[in-house]
Amino acid sequence: MAAQLLRRRLAFKYELRLLSRGPIFDAALPACDRAQLFRAFNRQISGKLPNPIFVTPDLDTGFQACLKIAPPGLVAELDLRPAESDLHAALNGKWRNRLSFARRSGVEIVRSSCFDWILEREAENRARHKYRGPSAKFFLHWRDHVNDWVLFQARNRGKSIAGALFFLHAGRASYQIGWSGEVGRRMNAQNLVLWQAIRHLRKRGCRRFGTGSD
């Protein structure tokens, strides 16, 4: 079993603990043995204090050792290994129609280095729609220290109308930020942004593309 545990200390030696997307078990280990192994792990790290662990396991772990307080999360991933033609044929019909519309509308897709531009669009979206997400510091840290990312912009008549930022890591890519203005939504520009990104990521050797989580 492998586990990465995040801890936050509270008063009187108590602490909160988070085990995100884990633990990871050998695929051949039965579910009952997984539960028993995790209980032993919990006892070992807890000591005498009843410190809870919040666990967010992947769906395929078969892990049933905890009291469920919320439905499991879902991370959507696209397998990029099939041929491009097969990926295109497998697209949802309505999504493919929007992609074709964007192509006919003359939307231009370009790779961009305007990292601050996509962060500014994300900040505007958060302020308008009142949602939270990773801080700008997180994205800037990735840009400055990991520096494995790609940004695509959709343009029409010289103006940026949509865009998306992707991070690359260990043969995978993840969809981090997406933005589309009024013109971009009208022209289905983001469909073309995503399709061009898929084509590019395949050429970069990415095998899987994480499109987001619920």
C-alpha atoms as a PDB file:
ATOM      1  CA  MET A   1       0.000   0.000   0.000  1.00  0.00           C
ATOM      2  CA  ALA A   2       1.217   3.517  -0.816  1.00  0.00           C
ATOM      3  CA  ALA A   3      -0.209   6.687   0.719  1.00  0.00           C
ATOM      4  CA  GLN A   4       0.650  10.385   0.808  1.00  0.00           C
ATOM      5  CA  LEU A   5      -0.819  12.061   3.876  1.00  0.00           C
ATOM      6  CA  LEU A   6      -1.298  15.795   4.423  1.00  0.00           C
ATOM      7  CA  ARG A   7      -1.518  16.910   8.058  1.00  0.00           C
ATOM      8  CA  ARG A   8      -2.657  20.088   9.793  1.00  0.00           C
ATOM      9  CA  ARG A   9      -1.962  20.334  13.504  1.00  0.00           C
ATOM     10  CA  LEU A  10      -4.680  21.621  15.820  1.00  0.00           C
ATOM     11  CA  ALA A  11      -4.749  22.378  19.520  1.00  0.00           C
ATOM     12  CA  PHE A  12      -3.912  19.757  22.188  1.00  0.00           C
ATOM     13  CA  LYS A  13      -1.934  17.547  19.765  1.00  0.00           C
ATOM     14  CA  TYR A  14      -4.969  16.845  17.593  1.00  0.00           C
ATOM     15  CA  GLU A  15      -4.679  17.079  13.834  1.00  0.00           C
ATOM     16  CA  LEU A  16      -6.682  16.845  10.628  1.00  0.00           C
ATOM     17  CA  ARG A  17      -5.370  14.538   7.938  1.00  0.00           C
ATOM     18  CA  LEU A  18      -6.132  14.255   4.235  1.00  0.00           C
ATOM     19  CA  LEU A  19      -5.283  11.285   2.034  1.00  0.00           C
ATOM     20  CA  SER A  20      -6.041  12.498  -1.494  1.00  0.00           C
ATOM     21  CA  ARG A  21      -6.591  10.077  -4.410  1.00  0.00           C
ATOM     22  CA  GLY A  22      -5.361   7.189  -2.313  1.00  0.00           C
ATOM     23  CA  PRO A  23      -4.387   4.915  -0.768  1.00  0.00           C
ATOM     24  CA  ILE A  24      -2.973   2.899  -3.663  1.00  0.00           C
ATOM     25  CA  PHE A  25      -3.135  -0.876  -3.339  1.00  0.00           C
ATOM     26  CA  ASP A  26      -1.817  -3.774  -5.341  1.00  0.00           C
ATOM     27  CA  ALA A  27      -4.498  -4.522  -7.929  1.00  0.00           C
ATOM     28  CA  ALA A  28      -4.567  -8.198  -6.878  1.00  0.00           C
ATOM     29  CA  LEU A  29      -5.329  -7.403  -3.219  1.00  0.00           C
ATOM     30  CA  PRO A  30      -8.980  -8.252  -2.276  1.00  0.00           C
ATOM     31  CA  ALA A  31     -11.190  -5.453  -0.951  1.00  0.00           C
ATOM     32  CA  CYS A  32     -11.453  -7.028   2.523  1.00  0.00           C
ATOM     33  CA  ASP A  33      -7.657  -7.138   2.835  1.00  0.00           C
ATOM     34  CA  ARG A  34      -7.424  -3.531   1.665  1.00  0.00           C
ATOM     35  CA  ALA A  35      -9.751  -2.424   4.443  1.00  0.00           C
ATOM     36  CA  GLN A  36      -7.818  -4.401   7.047  1.00  0.00           C
ATOM     37  CA  LEU A  37      -4.499  -3.011   5.822  1.00  0.00           C
ATOM     38  CA  PHE A  38      -5.788   0.550   5.963  1.00  0.00           C
ATOM     39  CA  ARG A  39      -7.125   0.119   9.507  1.00  0.00           C
ATOM     40  CA  ALA A  40      -3.695  -1.087  10.598  1.00  0.00           C
ATOM     41  CA  PHE A  41      -2.102   1.907   8.873  1.00  0.00           C
ATOM     42  CA  ASN A  42      -4.553   4.247  10.629  1.00  0.00           C
ATOM     43  CA  ARG A  43      -3.817   2.757  14.044  1.00  0.00           C
ATOM     44  CA  GLN A  44      -0.080   3.054  13.484  1.00  0.00           C
ATOM     45  CA  ILE A  45      -0.109   6.754  12.624  1.00  0.00           C
ATOM     46  CA  SER A  46      -2.889   7.819  15.011  1.00  0.00           C
ATOM     47  CA  GLY A  47      -1.477   6.640  18.301  1.00  0.00           C
ATOM     48  CA  LYS A  48      -3.870   7.147  21.202  1.00  0.00           C
ATOM     49  CA  LEU A  49      -5.665  10.191  19.789  1.00  0.00           C
ATOM     50  CA  PRO A  50      -8.797   9.742  17.625  1.00  0.00           C
ATOM     51  CA  ASN A  51      -7.562  11.866  14.743  1.00  0.00           C
ATOM     52  CA  PRO A  52      -9.771  11.460  11.673  1.00  0.00           C
ATOM     53  CA  ILE A  53      -8.479  10.866   8.149  1.00  0.00           C
ATOM     54  CA  PHE A  54     -10.419  12.317   5.246  1.00  0.00           C
ATOM     55  CA  VAL A  55      -9.908   9.947   2.332  1.00  0.00           C
ATOM     56  CA  THR A  56     -10.684  10.660  -1.334  1.00  0.00           C
ATOM     57  CA  PRO A  57      -9.838   7.365  -3.056  1.00  0.00           C
ATOM     58  CA  ASP A  58      -9.905   6.776  -6.780  1.00  0.00           C
ATOM     59  CA  LEU A  59     -13.005   4.966  -7.997  1.00  0.00           C
ATOM     60  CA  ASP A  60     -11.162   1.767  -8.907  1.00  0.00           C
ATOM     61  CA  THR A  61      -9.581   1.044  -5.502  1.00  0.00           C
ATOM     62  CA  GLY A  62     -12.478  -1.021  -4.148  1.00  0.00           C
ATOM     63  CA  PHE A  63     -11.753   0.642  -0.813  1.00  0.00           C
ATOM     64  CA  GLN A  64     -14.550   0.438   1.772  1.00  0.00           C
ATOM     65  CA  ALA A  65     -12.809   1.068   5.115  1.00  0.00           C
ATOM     66  CA  CYS A  66     -14.271   4.485   5.915  1.00  0.00           C
ATOM     67  CA  LEU A  67     -17.584   6.085   6.688  1.00  0.00           C
ATOM     68  CA  LYS A  68     -18.759   7.672   3.436  1.00  0.00           C
ATOM     69  CA  ILE A  69     -19.720  11.332   3.922  1.00  0.00           C
ATOM     70  CA  ALA A  70     -19.870  12.336   0.243  1.00  0.00           C
ATOM     71  CA  PRO A  71     -19.986  10.643  -3.168  1.00  0.00           C
ATOM     72  CA  PRO A  72     -16.550   9.867  -4.649  1.00  0.00           C
ATOM     73  CA  GLY A  73     -15.049  12.369  -7.031  1.00  0.00           C
ATOM     74  CA  LEU A  74     -14.809  11.789 -10.748  1.00  0.00           C
ATOM     75  CA  VAL A  75     -11.760  12.685 -12.809  1.00  0.00           C
ATOM     76  CA  ALA A  76     -12.439  12.581 -16.543  1.00  0.00           C
ATOM     77  CA  GLU A  77      -9.519  11.476 -18.703  1.00  0.00           C
ATOM     78  CA  LEU A  78      -9.217  11.013 -22.447  1.00  0.00           C
ATOM     79  CA  ASP A  79      -6.950   8.285 -23.826  1.00  0.00           C
ATOM     80  CA  LEU A  80      -4.766   9.961 -26.466  1.00  0.00           C
ATOM     81  CA  ARG A  81      -3.142   6.778 -27.758  1.00  0.00           C
ATOM     82  CA  PRO A  82      -5.697   5.959 -30.508  1.00  0.00           C
ATOM     83  CA  ALA A  83      -5.189   7.438 -33.973  1.00  0.00           C
ATOM     84  CA  GLU A  84      -6.356  11.014 -34.476  1.00  0.00           C
ATOM     85  CA  SER A  85      -9.029   9.864 -36.925  1.00  0.00           C
ATOM     86  CA  ASP A  86     -10.400   7.436 -34.335  1.00  0.00           C
ATOM     87  CA  LEU A  87     -10.485  10.133 -31.678  1.00  0.00           C
ATOM     88  CA  HIS A  88     -12.344  12.443 -34.049  1.00  0.00           C
ATOM     89  CA  ALA A  89     -14.846   9.726 -34.969  1.00  0.00           C
ATOM     90  CA  ALA A  90     -15.512   9.033 -31.267  1.00  0.00           C
ATOM     91  CA  LEU A  91     -16.454  12.641 -30.482  1.00  0.00           C
ATOM     92  CA  ASN A  92     -20.004  13.301 -29.330  1.00  0.00           C
ATOM     93  CA  GLY A  93     -22.090  14.260 -32.360  1.00  0.00           C
ATOM     94  CA  LYS A  94     -23.162  17.668 -31.025  1.00  0.00           C
ATOM     95  CA  TRP A  95     -19.615  18.451 -29.898  1.00  0.00           C
ATOM     96  CA  ARG A  96     -18.258  17.508 -33.339  1.00  0.00           C
ATOM     97  CA  ASN A  97     -20.875  19.720 -35.026  1.00  0.00           C
ATOM     98  CA  ARG A  98     -19.764  22.674 -32.896  1.00  0.00           C
ATOM     99  CA  LEU A  99     -16.176  21.925 -33.842  1.00  0.00           C
ATOM    100  CA  SER A 100     -17.086  21.982 -37.523  1.00  0.00           C
ATOM    101  CA  PHE A 101     -18.966  25.259 -37.053  1.00  0.00           C
ATOM    102  CA  ALA A 102     -15.894  26.848 -35.454  1.00  0.00           C
ATOM    103  CA  ARG A 103     -13.746  25.725 -38.361  1.00  0.00           C
ATOM    104  CA  ARG A 104     -16.175  27.193 -40.904  1.00  0.00           C
ATOM    105  CA  SER A 105     -16.371  30.452 -38.940  1.00  0.00           C
ATOM    106  CA  GLY A 106     -12.727  31.215 -39.593  1.00  0.00           C
ATOM    107  CA  VAL A 107     -11.522  30.901 -35.994  1.00  0.00           C
ATOM    108  CA  GLU A 108      -7.711  30.886 -35.857  1.00  0.00           C
ATOM    109  CA  ILE A 109      -5.931  28.832 -33.172  1.00  0.00           C
ATOM    110  CA  VAL A 110      -2.420  29.858 -32.109  1.00  0.00           C
ATOM    111  CA  ARG A 111       0.023  28.796 -29.422  1.00  0.00           C
ATOM    112  CA  SER A 112       0.653  31.651 -27.056  1.00  0.00           C
ATOM    113  CA  SER A 113       3.108  32.637 -24.336  1.00  0.00           C
ATOM    114  CA  CYS A 114       0.688  35.165 -22.793  1.00  0.00           C
ATOM    115  CA  PHE A 115       0.472  33.436 -19.409  1.00  0.00           C
ATOM    116  CA  ASP A 116      -0.674  36.607 -17.631  1.00  0.00           C
ATOM    117  CA  TRP A 117      -3.500  36.994 -20.151  1.00  0.00           C
ATOM    118  CA  ILE A 118      -5.152  33.681 -19.236  1.00  0.00           C
ATOM    119  CA  LEU A 119      -4.712  34.410 -15.506  1.00  0.00           C
ATOM    120  CA  GLU A 120      -6.431  37.764 -15.969  1.00  0.00           C
ATOM    121  CA  ARG A 121      -9.340  36.122 -17.803  1.00  0.00           C
ATOM    122  CA  GLU A 122      -9.604  33.525 -15.021  1.00  0.00           C
ATOM    123  CA  ALA A 123      -9.668  36.242 -12.355  1.00  0.00           C
ATOM    124  CA  GLU A 124     -12.461  38.034 -14.227  1.00  0.00           C
ATOM    125  CA  ASN A 125     -14.473  34.808 -14.475  1.00  0.00           C
ATOM    126  CA  ARG A 126     -14.082  34.079 -10.756  1.00  0.00           C
ATOM    127  CA  ALA A 127     -15.195  37.577  -9.814  1.00  0.00           C
ATOM    128  CA  ARG A 128     -18.204  37.369 -12.137  1.00  0.00           C
ATOM    129  CA  HIS A 129     -19.369  33.842 -11.309  1.00  0.00           C
ATOM    130  CA  LYS A 130     -18.255  33.686  -7.643  1.00  0.00           C
ATOM    131  CA  TYR A 131     -16.280  30.442  -7.684  1.00  0.00           C
ATOM    132  CA  ARG A 132     -12.940  29.481  -6.146  1.00  0.00           C
ATOM    133  CA  GLY A 133      -9.947  27.560  -7.441  1.00  0.00           C
ATOM    134  CA  PRO A 134      -6.156  27.345  -7.280  1.00  0.00           C
ATOM    135  CA  SER A 135      -4.491  30.684  -6.611  1.00  0.00           C
ATOM    136  CA  ALA A 136      -2.561  32.672  -9.185  1.00  0.00           C
ATOM    137  CA  LYS A 137       0.563  31.857  -7.146  1.00  0.00           C
ATOM    138  CA  PHE A 138       0.068  28.168  -7.904  1.00  0.00           C
ATOM    139  CA  PHE A 139      -0.038  28.763 -11.664  1.00  0.00           C
ATOM    140  CA  LEU A 140       2.905  31.170 -11.560  1.00  0.00           C
ATOM    141  CA  HIS A 141       4.951  28.685  -9.534  1.00  0.00           C
ATOM    142  CA  TRP A 142       4.301  26.001 -12.152  1.00  0.00           C
ATOM    143  CA  ARG A 143       5.280  28.384 -14.924  1.00  0.00           C
ATOM    144  CA  ASP A 144       8.487  29.511 -13.214  1.00  0.00           C
ATOM    145  CA  HIS A 145       9.695  26.235 -11.673  1.00  0.00           C
ATOM    146  CA  VAL A 146       8.134  23.343 -13.605  1.00  0.00           C
ATOM    147  CA  ASN A 147       7.772  25.212 -16.893  1.00  0.00           C
ATOM    148  CA  ASP A 148       5.980  22.459 -18.781  1.00  0.00           C
ATOM    149  CA  TRP A 149       2.792  24.007 -20.058  1.00  0.00           C
ATOM    150  CA  VAL A 150       1.041  25.010 -23.233  1.00  0.00           C
ATOM    151  CA  LEU A 151      -1.470  27.781 -23.886  1.00  0.00           C
ATOM    152  CA  PHE A 152      -3.725  28.062 -26.921  1.00  0.00           C
ATOM    153  CA  GLN A 153      -5.690  31.124 -27.954  1.00  0.00           C
ATOM    154  CA  ALA A 154      -8.551  31.392 -30.414  1.00  0.00           C
ATOM    155  CA  ARG A 155      -8.553  34.594 -32.444  1.00  0.00           C
ATOM    156  CA  ASN A 156     -10.995  36.270 -34.755  1.00  0.00           C
ATOM    157  CA  ARG A 157     -10.153  39.429 -36.683  1.00  0.00           C
ATOM    158  CA  GLY A 158      -7.001  39.834 -34.621  1.00  0.00           C
ATOM    159  CA  LYS A 159      -8.734  39.629 -31.235  1.00  0.00           C
ATOM    160  CA  SER A 160      -8.494  36.841 -28.667  1.00  0.00           C
ATOM    161  CA  ILE A 161     -11.923  35.309 -28.169  1.00  0.00           C
ATOM    162  CA  ALA A 162     -11.109  32.121 -26.215  1.00  0.00           C
ATOM    163  CA  GLY A 163      -8.202  30.232 -24.733  1.00  0.00           C
ATOM    164  CA  ALA A 164      -7.085  27.339 -22.563  1.00  0.00           C
ATOM    165  CA  LEU A 165      -4.071  26.497 -20.416  1.00  0.00           C
ATOM    166  CA  PHE A 166      -2.727  22.947 -20.042  1.00  0.00           C
ATOM    167  CA  PHE A 167      -0.065  21.511 -17.731  1.00  0.00           C
ATOM    168  CA  LEU A 168       2.092  18.566 -18.812  1.00  0.00           C
ATOM    169  CA  HIS A 169       3.369  15.993 -16.329  1.00  0.00           C
ATOM    170  CA  ALA A 170       4.715  12.451 -16.665  1.00  0.00           C
ATOM    171  CA  GLY A 171       3.186  11.617 -20.038  1.00  0.00           C
ATOM    172  CA  ARG A 172      -0.126  13.259 -19.166  1.00  0.00           C
ATOM    173  CA  ALA A 173      -1.717  16.636 -19.628  1.00  0.00           C
ATOM    174  CA  SER A 174      -4.359  18.371 -17.540  1.00  0.00           C
ATOM    175  CA  TYR A 175      -6.819  21.090 -18.470  1.00  0.00           C
ATOM    176  CA  GLN A 176      -6.207  23.924 -15.992  1.00  0.00           C
ATOM    177  CA  ILE A 177      -7.967  27.077 -17.199  1.00  0.00           C
ATOM    178  CA  GLY A 178     -10.458  27.681 -19.965  1.00  0.00           C
ATOM    179  CA  TRP A 179     -11.975  30.990 -21.017  1.00  0.00           C
ATOM    180  CA  SER A 180     -14.329  32.053 -23.769  1.00  0.00           C
ATOM    181  CA  GLY A 181     -15.730  35.523 -24.360  1.00  0.00           C
ATOM    182  CA  GLU A 182     -19.115  36.324 -25.873  1.00  0.00           C
ATOM    183  CA  VAL A 183     -17.826  36.148 -29.450  1.00  0.00           C
ATOM    184  CA  GLY A 184     -15.939  32.957 -28.670  1.00  0.00           C
ATOM    185  CA  ARG A 185     -19.060  31.286 -27.280  1.00  0.00           C
ATOM    186  CA  ARG A 186     -21.060  32.349 -30.302  1.00  0.00           C
ATOM    187  CA  MET A 187     -18.457  30.844 -32.634  1.00  0.00           C
ATOM    188  CA  ASN A 188     -17.872  27.667 -30.536  1.00  0.00           C
ATOM    189  CA  ALA A 189     -14.206  28.653 -30.416  1.00  0.00           C
ATOM    190  CA  GLN A 190     -13.417  26.606 -27.319  1.00  0.00           C
ATOM    191  CA  ASN A 191     -14.282  23.386 -29.130  1.00  0.00           C
ATOM    192  CA  LEU A 192     -11.599  24.160 -31.685  1.00  0.00           C
ATOM    193  CA  VAL A 193      -9.145  25.184 -28.950  1.00  0.00           C
ATOM    194  CA  LEU A 194      -9.584  21.824 -27.235  1.00  0.00           C
ATOM    195  CA  TRP A 195      -9.326  19.826 -30.446  1.00  0.00           C
ATOM    196  CA  GLN A 196      -6.128  21.584 -31.507  1.00  0.00           C
ATOM    197  CA  ALA A 197      -4.765  21.035 -28.006  1.00  0.00           C
ATOM    198  CA  ILE A 198      -5.524  17.303 -28.243  1.00  0.00           C
ATOM    199  CA  ARG A 199      -3.662  17.088 -31.552  1.00  0.00           C
ATOM    200  CA  HIS A 200      -0.684  18.981 -30.134  1.00  0.00           C
ATOM    201  CA  LEU A 201      -0.553  16.951 -26.894  1.00  0.00           C
ATOM    202  CA  ARG A 202      -0.528  13.679 -28.847  1.00  0.00           C
ATOM    203  CA  LYS A 203       2.485  14.916 -30.816  1.00  0.00           C
ATOM    204  CA  ARG A 204       4.181  15.862 -27.547  1.00  0.00           C
ATOM    205  CA  GLY A 205       3.881  12.248 -26.420  1.00  0.00           C
ATOM    206  CA  CYS A 206       1.068  12.687 -23.901  1.00  0.00           C
ATOM    207  CA  ARG A 207      -0.859   9.468 -23.440  1.00  0.00           C
ATOM    208  CA  ARG A 208      -3.739  10.775 -21.344  1.00  0.00           C
ATOM    209  CA  PHE A 209      -5.546  14.094 -21.119  1.00  0.00           C
ATOM    210  CA  GLY A 210      -7.325  15.054 -17.901  1.00  0.00           C
ATOM    211  CA  THR A 211     -10.291  17.240 -18.806  1.00  0.00           C
ATOM    212  CA  GLY A 212     -11.344  18.042 -15.232  1.00  0.00           C
ATOM    213  CA  SER A 213     -13.169  16.748 -12.188  1.00  0.00           C
ATOM    214  CA  ASP A 214     -16.650  17.105 -10.768  1.00  0.00           C
END
